[in-house]
């Protein structure tokens, strides 16, 4: 998946994501991180891709996003395992 970075700094990033589902999932998990001060997405129009904006205080923003992605993967794997056992 190719991401388009609109802004990329140590403590702030704006990235265009390919789906609204991904943007919302990342927003929810990023807002659980204590070092994340802001995580939200916007979409200028229904025909446009969502843009996720993330700000952190001390932690590097890439580290925070990576932690959120890993948490999502862990929860999805647990859910898959649970469904397979039914």
Protein backbone atom coordinates (compact mmCIF):
# COMPACT_ATOMS: atom_id res chain seq x y z
CA UNK A 1 0.00 0.00 0.00
CA UNK A 2 1.41 3.36 -1.01
CA UNK A 3 0.85 6.30 1.32
CA UNK A 4 1.04 9.94 0.33
CA UNK A 5 2.65 12.04 3.06
CA UNK A 6 1.45 15.64 3.01
CA UNK A 7 3.44 16.67 6.09
CA UNK A 8 6.16 14.74 7.88
CA UNK A 9 7.98 15.98 10.98
CA UNK A 10 9.30 14.31 14.12
CA UNK A 11 6.17 14.99 16.20
CA UNK A 12 3.54 15.56 13.50
CA UNK A 13 2.42 13.81 10.34
CA UNK A 14 -0.36 14.19 7.79
CA UNK A 15 -0.89 11.22 5.52
CA UNK A 16 -3.46 10.43 2.86
CA UNK A 17 -4.87 6.94 3.45
CA UNK A 18 -6.52 4.62 0.91
CA UNK A 19 -9.65 3.96 2.99
CA UNK A 20 -11.89 5.51 5.58
CA UNK A 21 -11.88 2.27 7.57
CA UNK A 22 -8.11 2.41 7.96
CA UNK A 23 -8.21 6.09 8.92
CA UNK A 24 -10.86 5.51 11.60
CA UNK A 25 -9.14 2.41 13.01
CA UNK A 26 -5.84 4.23 13.31
CA UNK A 27 -7.54 7.25 14.90
CA UNK A 28 -9.14 5.12 17.60
CA UNK A 29 -5.96 3.21 18.45
CA UNK A 30 -3.73 6.30 18.29
CA UNK A 31 -5.96 8.15 20.74
CA UNK A 32 -5.33 5.35 23.25
CA UNK A 33 -1.59 6.17 23.21
CA UNK A 34 -0.54 8.45 26.09
CA UNK A 35 2.03 10.35 23.99
CA UNK A 36 -0.43 11.16 21.20
CA UNK A 37 -1.88 14.64 21.70
CA UNK A 38 -3.98 14.70 18.54
CA UNK A 39 -5.19 12.07 16.08
CA UNK A 40 -8.02 12.78 13.66
CA UNK A 41 -8.89 12.38 10.01
CA UNK A 42 -10.70 14.61 7.57
CA UNK A 43 -12.04 14.23 4.08
CA UNK A 44 -12.59 17.31 1.95
CA UNK A 45 -15.26 15.60 -0.14
CA UNK A 46 -16.80 12.13 -0.44
CA UNK A 47 -14.80 11.56 -3.62
CA UNK A 48 -11.48 12.37 -1.91
CA UNK A 49 -9.30 10.10 0.21
CA UNK A 50 -9.16 10.70 3.98
CA UNK A 51 -6.17 12.51 5.49
CA UNK A 52 -5.01 11.40 8.95
CA UNK A 53 -3.22 13.96 11.12
CA UNK A 54 -1.26 12.81 14.17
CA UNK A 55 0.65 14.85 16.75
CA UNK A 56 2.76 13.55 19.63
CA UNK A 57 4.50 15.20 22.60
CA UNK A 58 7.67 13.24 23.35
CA UNK A 59 7.48 10.08 21.28
CA UNK A 60 8.40 10.11 17.60
CA UNK A 61 5.18 10.07 15.57
CA UNK A 62 6.35 7.09 13.48
CA UNK A 63 6.82 5.07 16.67
CA UNK A 64 3.29 5.93 17.82
CA UNK A 65 1.77 4.95 14.46
CA UNK A 66 3.78 1.71 14.43
CA UNK A 67 2.52 0.86 17.94
CA UNK A 68 -1.07 1.52 16.85
CA UNK A 69 -0.69 -0.71 13.78
CA UNK A 70 0.80 -3.49 15.94
CA UNK A 71 -2.10 -3.19 18.42
CA UNK A 72 -4.61 -3.43 15.56
CA UNK A 73 -2.83 -6.51 14.18
CA UNK A 74 -2.80 -8.14 17.63
CA UNK A 75 -6.54 -7.55 18.11
CA UNK A 76 -7.36 -8.81 14.61
CA UNK A 77 -5.28 -11.96 15.15
CA UNK A 78 -7.02 -12.61 18.47
CA UNK A 79 -10.41 -12.12 16.83
CA UNK A 80 -9.48 -14.48 13.97
CA UNK A 81 -8.35 -17.14 16.42
CA UNK A 82 -11.54 -16.78 18.44
CA UNK A 83 -13.76 -17.12 15.37
CA UNK A 84 -11.85 -20.18 14.15
CA UNK A 85 -12.42 -21.89 17.51
CA UNK A 86 -16.21 -21.51 17.25
